[in-house]
């Protein structure tokens, strides 16, 4: 709970639910502070910067990691913005969240950091680890009794279409790369590409 307020403030400042459930914006859908409801004209650069922050905050990635992943995406054969989002979606902490083992990406990072998650039967404690299609992600046997994991799995009603989940055995598979229309429609990735192209 300690950092939940900061996540809510960031969401309000960006006008975007970084938790992807919209709860942060229900009561006060405007920026925090005395002038939070003042409407200001935003420059093109400001729009690009905001879009970058939305995506970066959503996945909980620091700027150095974020830029490194963008560079990898820019060298791929596909559309840079889409490939960038696919790389972020393939992070282990994100897939732990998508499978429902944690109710936020931050909680998912903690599960990975503490060694509670296996990839293809091997313990991986690096949240930024990039998973490949067909990788199996599971909860270690000695962590299956954890209340936080059980509660999160009980609360989940639907998983992303590119993962399959076996709730009983607490394991799932990253079956394929996501399509663009399966990822956040509130992100304009072309503005992020423009932002980083300005720096090159």
C-alpha atoms as a PDB file:
ATOM      1  CA  UNK A   1       0.000   0.000   0.000  1.00  0.00           C
ATOM      2  CA  UNK A   2       2.955   2.342   0.624  1.00  0.00           C
ATOM      3  CA  UNK A   3       3.522   3.190  -3.049  1.00  0.00           C
ATOM      4  CA  UNK A   4      -0.065   2.895  -4.253  1.00  0.00           C
ATOM      5  CA  UNK A   5      -0.652   6.620  -3.723  1.00  0.00           C
ATOM      6  CA  UNK A   6       2.317   7.520  -5.915  1.00  0.00           C
ATOM      7  CA  UNK A   7       1.005   5.265  -8.689  1.00  0.00           C
ATOM      8  CA  UNK A   8      -2.402   6.929  -8.418  1.00  0.00           C
ATOM      9  CA  UNK A   9      -0.796  10.388  -8.567  1.00  0.00           C
ATOM     10  CA  UNK A  10       1.229   9.431 -11.629  1.00  0.00           C
ATOM     11  CA  UNK A  11      -1.909   8.095 -13.302  1.00  0.00           C
ATOM     12  CA  UNK A  12      -3.800  11.304 -12.585  1.00  0.00           C
ATOM     13  CA  UNK A  13      -0.905  13.445 -13.796  1.00  0.00           C
ATOM     14  CA  UNK A  14      -0.770  11.494 -17.062  1.00  0.00           C
ATOM     15  CA  UNK A  15      -4.549  11.126 -17.405  1.00  0.00           C
ATOM     16  CA  UNK A  16      -3.972   7.417 -17.934  1.00  0.00           C
ATOM     17  CA  UNK A  17      -4.517   4.347 -15.768  1.00  0.00           C
ATOM     18  CA  UNK A  18      -1.093   2.759 -15.387  1.00  0.00           C
ATOM     19  CA  UNK A  19      -2.759  -0.056 -13.405  1.00  0.00           C
ATOM     20  CA  UNK A  20      -5.050  -0.630 -16.430  1.00  0.00           C
ATOM     21  CA  UNK A  21      -8.202  -0.846 -14.319  1.00  0.00           C
ATOM     22  CA  UNK A  22      -9.192   2.827 -14.306  1.00  0.00           C
ATOM     23  CA  UNK A  23      -9.599   2.959 -10.525  1.00  0.00           C
ATOM     24  CA  UNK A  24      -7.075   5.758 -10.116  1.00  0.00           C
ATOM     25  CA  UNK A  25      -9.136   8.111 -12.287  1.00  0.00           C
ATOM     26  CA  UNK A  26     -12.670   7.336 -11.114  1.00  0.00           C
ATOM     27  CA  UNK A  27     -12.998   9.941  -8.366  1.00  0.00           C
ATOM     28  CA  UNK A  28     -10.617  12.603  -9.662  1.00  0.00           C
ATOM     29  CA  UNK A  29      -9.843  12.263 -13.385  1.00  0.00           C
ATOM     30  CA  UNK A  30      -7.504  15.236 -13.402  1.00  0.00           C
ATOM     31  CA  UNK A  31      -3.918  15.992 -12.417  1.00  0.00           C
ATOM     32  CA  UNK A  32      -3.079  16.352  -8.696  1.00  0.00           C
ATOM     33  CA  UNK A  33      -2.297  19.713  -7.128  1.00  0.00           C
ATOM     34  CA  UNK A  34      -3.853  23.144  -6.946  1.00  0.00           C
ATOM     35  CA  UNK A  35      -3.880  23.627 -10.715  1.00  0.00           C
ATOM     36  CA  UNK A  36      -4.739  20.059 -11.613  1.00  0.00           C
ATOM     37  CA  UNK A  37      -7.923  21.008 -13.441  1.00  0.00           C
ATOM     38  CA  UNK A  38      -6.372  23.848 -15.435  1.00  0.00           C
ATOM     39  CA  UNK A  39      -6.204  22.995 -19.127  1.00  0.00           C
ATOM     40  CA  UNK A  40      -2.923  23.929 -20.739  1.00  0.00           C
ATOM     41  CA  UNK A  41      -1.905  23.795 -24.358  1.00  0.00           C
ATOM     42  CA  UNK A  42       0.656  21.022 -24.800  1.00  0.00           C
ATOM     43  CA  UNK A  43       3.453  21.198 -27.375  1.00  0.00           C
ATOM     44  CA  UNK A  44       4.157  18.338 -29.767  1.00  0.00           C
ATOM     45  CA  UNK A  45       7.253  17.491 -27.737  1.00  0.00           C
ATOM     46  CA  UNK A  46       5.131  17.517 -24.574  1.00  0.00           C
ATOM     47  CA  UNK A  47       2.695  15.051 -26.150  1.00  0.00           C
ATOM     48  CA  UNK A  48       5.558  12.753 -27.118  1.00  0.00           C
ATOM     49  CA  UNK A  49       7.066  12.938 -23.637  1.00  0.00           C
ATOM     50  CA  UNK A  50       3.714  12.213 -21.981  1.00  0.00           C
ATOM     51  CA  UNK A  51       3.123   9.201 -24.208  1.00  0.00           C
ATOM     52  CA  UNK A  52       6.557   7.839 -23.351  1.00  0.00           C
ATOM     53  CA  UNK A  53       5.883   8.297 -19.642  1.00  0.00           C
ATOM     54  CA  UNK A  54       2.523   6.537 -19.920  1.00  0.00           C
ATOM     55  CA  UNK A  55       4.096   3.427 -21.419  1.00  0.00           C
ATOM     56  CA  UNK A  56       7.158   3.514 -19.160  1.00  0.00           C
ATOM     57  CA  UNK A  57       5.098   3.899 -15.984  1.00  0.00           C
ATOM     58  CA  UNK A  58       2.645   1.218 -17.065  1.00  0.00           C
ATOM     59  CA  UNK A  59       5.399  -1.389 -17.342  1.00  0.00           C
ATOM     60  CA  UNK A  60       7.443   0.006 -14.447  1.00  0.00           C
ATOM     61  CA  UNK A  61      10.666   0.271 -16.436  1.00  0.00           C
ATOM     62  CA  UNK A  62      13.415   2.798 -15.701  1.00  0.00           C
ATOM     63  CA  UNK A  63      14.539   5.183 -18.442  1.00  0.00           C
ATOM     64  CA  UNK A  64      17.806   3.389 -19.178  1.00  0.00           C
ATOM     65  CA  UNK A  65      16.081   0.017 -19.657  1.00  0.00           C
ATOM     66  CA  UNK A  66      13.278   1.643 -21.626  1.00  0.00           C
ATOM     67  CA  UNK A  67      15.641   3.284 -24.094  1.00  0.00           C
ATOM     68  CA  UNK A  68      17.701   0.105 -24.466  1.00  0.00           C
ATOM     69  CA  UNK A  69      14.571  -1.896 -25.337  1.00  0.00           C
ATOM     70  CA  UNK A  70      13.507   0.789 -27.807  1.00  0.00           C
ATOM     71  CA  UNK A  71      16.900   0.502 -29.528  1.00  0.00           C
ATOM     72  CA  UNK A  72      16.399  -3.273 -29.843  1.00  0.00           C
ATOM     73  CA  UNK A  73      12.906  -2.722 -31.272  1.00  0.00           C
ATOM     74  CA  UNK A  74      14.191  -0.136 -33.766  1.00  0.00           C
ATOM     75  CA  UNK A  75      16.568  -2.733 -35.213  1.00  0.00           C
ATOM     76  CA  UNK A  76      13.843  -5.318 -35.760  1.00  0.00           C
ATOM     77  CA  UNK A  77      12.170  -5.968 -39.105  1.00  0.00           C
ATOM     78  CA  UNK A  78       8.682  -5.120 -37.864  1.00  0.00           C
ATOM     79  CA  UNK A  79       7.007  -1.800 -37.081  1.00  0.00           C
ATOM     80  CA  UNK A  80       9.164  -0.210 -34.371  1.00  0.00           C
ATOM     81  CA  UNK A  81       6.357   0.936 -32.076  1.00  0.00           C
ATOM     82  CA  UNK A  82       4.543  -2.396 -32.157  1.00  0.00           C
ATOM     83  CA  UNK A  83       7.756  -4.387 -31.713  1.00  0.00           C
ATOM     84  CA  UNK A  84       8.653  -2.172 -28.746  1.00  0.00           C
ATOM     85  CA  UNK A  85       5.348  -2.913 -27.043  1.00  0.00           C
ATOM     86  CA  UNK A  86       5.755  -6.632 -27.759  1.00  0.00           C
ATOM     87  CA  UNK A  87       9.179  -6.635 -26.113  1.00  0.00           C
ATOM     88  CA  UNK A  88       7.734  -4.934 -23.022  1.00  0.00           C
ATOM     89  CA  UNK A  89       4.851  -7.394 -22.971  1.00  0.00           C
ATOM     90  CA  UNK A  90       7.334 -10.309 -23.106  1.00  0.00           C
ATOM     91  CA  UNK A  91       9.024  -9.302 -19.851  1.00  0.00           C
ATOM     92  CA  UNK A  92       8.702 -11.964 -17.154  1.00  0.00           C
ATOM     93  CA  UNK A  93       7.188  -9.617 -14.570  1.00  0.00           C
ATOM     94  CA  UNK A  94       4.522  -8.547 -17.057  1.00  0.00           C
ATOM     95  CA  UNK A  95       3.621 -12.144 -17.963  1.00  0.00           C
ATOM     96  CA  UNK A  96       3.393 -13.091 -14.287  1.00  0.00           C
ATOM     97  CA  UNK A  97       0.898 -10.228 -14.008  1.00  0.00           C
ATOM     98  CA  UNK A  98      -0.962 -11.222 -17.196  1.00  0.00           C
ATOM     99  CA  UNK A  99      -1.337 -14.797 -15.931  1.00  0.00           C
ATOM    100  CA  UNK A 100      -2.905 -13.531 -12.724  1.00  0.00           C
ATOM    101  CA  UNK A 101      -0.232 -14.665 -10.262  1.00  0.00           C
ATOM    102  CA  UNK A 102      -0.091 -11.027  -9.072  1.00  0.00           C
ATOM    103  CA  UNK A 103      -2.669  -8.248  -9.179  1.00  0.00           C
ATOM    104  CA  UNK A 104      -0.180  -5.549 -10.247  1.00  0.00           C
ATOM    105  CA  UNK A 105       3.075  -5.537 -12.166  1.00  0.00           C
ATOM    106  CA  UNK A 106       4.830  -4.224  -9.071  1.00  0.00           C
ATOM    107  CA  UNK A 107       3.626  -7.243  -7.076  1.00  0.00           C
ATOM    108  CA  UNK A 108       4.696  -9.473  -9.972  1.00  0.00           C
ATOM    109  CA  UNK A 109       8.216  -8.007  -9.839  1.00  0.00           C
ATOM    110  CA  UNK A 110       8.396  -8.844  -6.138  1.00  0.00           C
ATOM    111  CA  UNK A 111       7.377 -12.465  -6.783  1.00  0.00           C
ATOM    112  CA  UNK A 112      10.096 -12.787  -9.406  1.00  0.00           C
ATOM    113  CA  UNK A 113      12.723 -11.006  -7.282  1.00  0.00           C
ATOM    114  CA  UNK A 114      12.034 -13.316  -4.347  1.00  0.00           C
ATOM    115  CA  UNK A 115      12.531 -16.431  -6.480  1.00  0.00           C
ATOM    116  CA  UNK A 116       8.915 -17.656  -6.481  1.00  0.00           C
ATOM    117  CA  UNK A 117       8.631 -17.978 -10.278  1.00  0.00           C
ATOM    118  CA  UNK A 118       9.957 -20.627 -12.667  1.00  0.00           C
ATOM    119  CA  UNK A 119      10.417 -20.412 -16.427  1.00  0.00           C
ATOM    120  CA  UNK A 120      10.461 -23.828 -18.063  1.00  0.00           C
ATOM    121  CA  UNK A 121      11.126 -25.334 -14.641  1.00  0.00           C
ATOM    122  CA  UNK A 122      14.111 -23.103 -13.878  1.00  0.00           C
ATOM    123  CA  UNK A 123      14.063 -20.341 -11.250  1.00  0.00           C
ATOM    124  CA  UNK A 124      14.403 -16.896 -12.808  1.00  0.00           C
ATOM    125  CA  UNK A 125      14.677 -13.993 -10.377  1.00  0.00           C
ATOM    126  CA  UNK A 126      15.173 -11.220 -12.948  1.00  0.00           C
ATOM    127  CA  UNK A 127      11.907  -9.332 -13.609  1.00  0.00           C
ATOM    128  CA  UNK A 128      13.221  -7.908 -16.889  1.00  0.00           C
ATOM    129  CA  UNK A 129      13.963 -11.390 -18.269  1.00  0.00           C
ATOM    130  CA  UNK A 130      12.527 -11.604 -21.798  1.00  0.00           C
ATOM    131  CA  UNK A 131      10.371 -14.688 -22.301  1.00  0.00           C
ATOM    132  CA  UNK A 132      10.044 -16.472 -25.629  1.00  0.00           C
ATOM    133  CA  UNK A 133       6.893 -17.833 -27.216  1.00  0.00           C
ATOM    134  CA  UNK A 134       5.975 -21.263 -25.747  1.00  0.00           C
ATOM    135  CA  UNK A 135       7.827 -20.584 -22.479  1.00  0.00           C
ATOM    136  CA  UNK A 136       6.030 -22.097 -19.479  1.00  0.00           C
ATOM    137  CA  UNK A 137       5.788 -19.815 -16.458  1.00  0.00           C
ATOM    138  CA  UNK A 138       4.876 -21.388 -13.128  1.00  0.00           C
ATOM    139  CA  UNK A 139       4.816 -20.782  -9.392  1.00  0.00           C
ATOM    140  CA  UNK A 140       7.374 -22.717  -7.344  1.00  0.00           C
ATOM    141  CA  UNK A 141       5.863 -25.531  -5.278  1.00  0.00           C
ATOM    142  CA  UNK A 142       6.815 -23.927  -1.967  1.00  0.00           C
ATOM    143  CA  UNK A 143       5.117 -20.661  -3.017  1.00  0.00           C
ATOM    144  CA  UNK A 144       1.784 -22.141  -4.129  1.00  0.00           C
ATOM    145  CA  UNK A 145       0.326 -21.702  -0.652  1.00  0.00           C
ATOM    146  CA  UNK A 146       1.012 -17.949  -0.617  1.00  0.00           C
ATOM    147  CA  UNK A 147      -2.184 -16.035   0.099  1.00  0.00           C
ATOM    148  CA  UNK A 148      -1.303 -13.150  -2.230  1.00  0.00           C
ATOM    149  CA  UNK A 149      -0.992 -15.512  -5.192  1.00  0.00           C
ATOM    150  CA  UNK A 150      -4.158 -17.430  -4.314  1.00  0.00           C
ATOM    151  CA  UNK A 151      -6.163 -14.237  -3.879  1.00  0.00           C
ATOM    152  CA  UNK A 152      -4.907 -12.843  -7.149  1.00  0.00           C
ATOM    153  CA  UNK A 153      -5.801 -16.019  -9.053  1.00  0.00           C
ATOM    154  CA  UNK A 154      -9.255 -16.118  -7.466  1.00  0.00           C
ATOM    155  CA  UNK A 155      -9.899 -12.543  -8.562  1.00  0.00           C
ATOM    156  CA  UNK A 156      -8.917 -13.066 -12.187  1.00  0.00           C
ATOM    157  CA  UNK A 157     -11.795 -13.609 -14.612  1.00  0.00           C
ATOM    158  CA  UNK A 158     -10.009 -13.423 -17.947  1.00  0.00           C
ATOM    159  CA  UNK A 159      -6.405 -13.651 -19.131  1.00  0.00           C
ATOM    160  CA  UNK A 160      -4.728 -12.072 -22.136  1.00  0.00           C
ATOM    161  CA  UNK A 161      -5.462 -13.996 -25.361  1.00  0.00           C
ATOM    162  CA  UNK A 162      -1.778 -14.746 -25.921  1.00  0.00           C
ATOM    163  CA  UNK A 163      -1.330 -16.709 -22.681  1.00  0.00           C
ATOM    164  CA  UNK A 164      -2.983 -19.875 -21.388  1.00  0.00           C
ATOM    165  CA  UNK A 165      -3.467 -20.482 -17.677  1.00  0.00           C
ATOM    166  CA  UNK A 166      -3.791 -23.647 -15.615  1.00  0.00           C
ATOM    167  CA  UNK A 167      -5.146 -22.223 -12.363  1.00  0.00           C
ATOM    168  CA  UNK A 168      -5.116 -25.530 -10.512  1.00  0.00           C
ATOM    169  CA  UNK A 169      -1.417 -26.145 -11.074  1.00  0.00           C
ATOM    170  CA  UNK A 170      -0.505 -22.445 -11.043  1.00  0.00           C
ATOM    171  CA  UNK A 171       1.250 -22.439 -14.366  1.00  0.00           C
ATOM    172  CA  UNK A 172       0.743 -20.906 -17.771  1.00  0.00           C
ATOM    173  CA  UNK A 173       2.251 -20.579 -21.224  1.00  0.00           C
ATOM    174  CA  UNK A 174       3.155 -17.589 -23.367  1.00  0.00           C
ATOM    175  CA  UNK A 175       1.552 -19.006 -26.501  1.00  0.00           C
ATOM    176  CA  UNK A 176       2.240 -16.266 -29.050  1.00  0.00           C
ATOM    177  CA  UNK A 177       3.254 -12.645 -29.532  1.00  0.00           C
ATOM    178  CA  UNK A 178       0.385 -10.213 -28.958  1.00  0.00           C
ATOM    179  CA  UNK A 179      -1.292  -8.362 -31.806  1.00  0.00           C
ATOM    180  CA  UNK A 180      -1.373  -4.568 -31.587  1.00  0.00           C
ATOM    181  CA  UNK A 181      -5.145  -4.512 -31.061  1.00  0.00           C
ATOM    182  CA  UNK A 182      -4.683  -6.716 -27.975  1.00  0.00           C
ATOM    183  CA  UNK A 183      -2.498  -4.131 -26.272  1.00  0.00           C
ATOM    184  CA  UNK A 184      -3.464  -0.796 -24.716  1.00  0.00           C
ATOM    185  CA  UNK A 185      -5.440   1.342 -27.133  1.00  0.00           C
ATOM    186  CA  UNK A 186      -4.692   4.413 -25.007  1.00  0.00           C
ATOM    187  CA  UNK A 187      -1.045   4.403 -26.060  1.00  0.00           C
ATOM    188  CA  UNK A 188       0.021   6.169 -29.236  1.00  0.00           C
ATOM    189  CA  UNK A 189       3.305   4.396 -29.861  1.00  0.00           C
ATOM    190  CA  UNK A 190       4.087   6.491 -32.948  1.00  0.00           C
ATOM    191  CA  UNK A 191       4.613   9.513 -30.652  1.00  0.00           C
ATOM    192  CA  UNK A 192       7.123   7.487 -28.628  1.00  0.00           C
ATOM    193  CA  UNK A 193       8.992   6.578 -31.805  1.00  0.00           C
ATOM    194  CA  UNK A 194       9.042  10.269 -32.764  1.00  0.00           C
ATOM    195  CA  UNK A 195      10.334  11.174 -29.296  1.00  0.00           C
ATOM    196  CA  UNK A 196      13.321   8.828 -29.495  1.00  0.00           C
ATOM    197  CA  UNK A 197      14.012   9.636 -33.145  1.00  0.00           C
ATOM    198  CA  UNK A 198      14.549  13.247 -32.058  1.00  0.00           C
ATOM    199  CA  UNK A 199      17.335  12.081 -29.766  1.00  0.00           C
ATOM    200  CA  UNK A 200      19.196  10.060 -32.386  1.00  0.00           C
END
